[in-house]
C-alpha atoms as a PDB file:
ATOM      1  CA  UNK A   1    -151.096 -16.372-142.984  1.00  0.00           C
ATOM      2  CA  UNK A   2    -151.512 -15.792-139.257  1.00  0.00           C
ATOM      3  CA  UNK A   3    -148.173 -14.029-139.088  1.00  0.00           C
ATOM      4  CA  UNK A   4    -149.083 -11.837-142.064  1.00  0.00           C
ATOM      5  CA  UNK A   5    -152.468 -11.015-140.502  1.00  0.00           C
ATOM      6  CA  UNK A   6    -150.891 -10.073-137.162  1.00  0.00           C
ATOM      7  CA  UNK A   7    -148.302  -7.973-138.958  1.00  0.00           C
ATOM      8  CA  UNK A   8    -150.999  -6.162-140.961  1.00  0.00           C
ATOM      9  CA  UNK A   9    -153.020  -5.454-137.828  1.00  0.00           C
ATOM     10  CA  UNK A  10    -149.981  -4.095-135.986  1.00  0.00           C
ATOM     11  CA  UNK A  11    -148.932  -1.967-138.926  1.00  0.00           C
ATOM     12  CA  UNK A  12    -152.383  -0.443-139.323  1.00  0.00           C
ATOM     13  CA  UNK A  13    -152.644   0.118-135.565  1.00  0.00           C
ATOM     14  CA  UNK A  14    -149.310   1.933-135.288  1.00  0.00           C
ATOM     15  CA  UNK A  15    -149.901   3.861-138.527  1.00  0.00           C
ATOM     16  CA  UNK A  16    -153.286   5.156-137.357  1.00  0.00           C
ATOM     17  CA  UNK A  17    -151.923   6.018-133.925  1.00  0.00           C
ATOM     18  CA  UNK A  18    -149.027   7.925-135.500  1.00  0.00           C
ATOM     19  CA  UNK A  19    -151.410   9.678-137.926  1.00  0.00           C
ATOM     20  CA  UNK A  20    -153.549  10.836-134.970  1.00  0.00           C
ATOM     21  CA  UNK A  21    -150.434  11.930-133.023  1.00  0.00           C
ATOM     22  CA  UNK A  22    -151.058   9.329-130.311  1.00  0.00           C
ATOM     23  CA  UNK A  23    -147.575   7.852-130.866  1.00  0.00           C
ATOM     24  CA  UNK A  24    -144.517   9.702-132.013  1.00  0.00           C
ATOM     25  CA  UNK A  25    -143.083   7.575-134.833  1.00  0.00           C
ATOM     26  CA  UNK A  26    -139.964   8.198-136.876  1.00  0.00           C
ATOM     27  CA  UNK A  27    -141.425   7.586-140.329  1.00  0.00           C
ATOM     28  CA  UNK A  28    -138.119   6.730-141.990  1.00  0.00           C
ATOM     29  CA  UNK A  29    -137.341   3.942-139.502  1.00  0.00           C
ATOM     30  CA  UNK A  30    -140.929   2.746-139.479  1.00  0.00           C
ATOM     31  CA  UNK A  31    -140.994   2.390-143.264  1.00  0.00           C
ATOM     32  CA  UNK A  32    -137.603   0.664-143.248  1.00  0.00           C
ATOM     33  CA  UNK A  33    -138.784  -1.873-140.682  1.00  0.00           C
ATOM     34  CA  UNK A  34    -142.099  -2.221-142.544  1.00  0.00           C
ATOM     35  CA  UNK A  35    -140.291  -3.074-145.786  1.00  0.00           C
ATOM     36  CA  UNK A  36    -137.871  -5.533-144.184  1.00  0.00           C
ATOM     37  CA  UNK A  37    -140.589  -7.444-142.339  1.00  0.00           C
ATOM     38  CA  UNK A  38    -142.875  -7.494-145.389  1.00  0.00           C
ATOM     39  CA  UNK A  39    -140.052  -8.908-147.522  1.00  0.00           C
ATOM     40  CA  UNK A  40    -139.252 -11.627-144.980  1.00  0.00           C
ATOM     41  CA  UNK A  41    -142.892 -12.654-144.502  1.00  0.00           C
ATOM     42  CA  UNK A  42    -143.568 -12.837-148.235  1.00  0.00           C
ATOM     43  CA  UNK A  43    -140.295 -14.691-148.764  1.00  0.00           C
ATOM     44  CA  UNK A  44    -141.356 -17.333-146.247  1.00  0.00           C
ATOM     45  CA  UNK A  45    -144.831 -17.484-147.790  1.00  0.00           C
ATOM     46  CA  UNK A  46    -143.463 -17.978-151.314  1.00  0.00           C
ATOM     47  CA  UNK A  47    -140.981 -20.622-150.130  1.00  0.00           C
ATOM     48  CA  UNK A  48    -143.866 -22.568-148.589  1.00  0.00           C
ATOM     49  CA  UNK A  49    -145.834 -22.380-151.835  1.00  0.00           C
ATOM     50  CA  UNK A  50    -142.850 -23.501-153.915  1.00  0.00           C
ATOM     51  CA  UNK A  51    -141.961 -26.366-151.571  1.00  0.00           C
ATOM     52  CA  UNK A  52    -142.699 -29.742-153.144  1.00  0.00           C
ATOM     53  CA  UNK A  53    -142.873 -31.751-149.905  1.00  0.00           C
END
């Protein structure tokens, strides 16, 4: 949950900065990285929930 929270904060921070033209962000690469990291974090989260130990 901490990792997901930190990831959400960073994503919102960079997204708002890019929206306000504070950072120059390549949207295609940003969304690709966003999707990959989101998939990995949720995969880890689901594997923890499914774990029987």
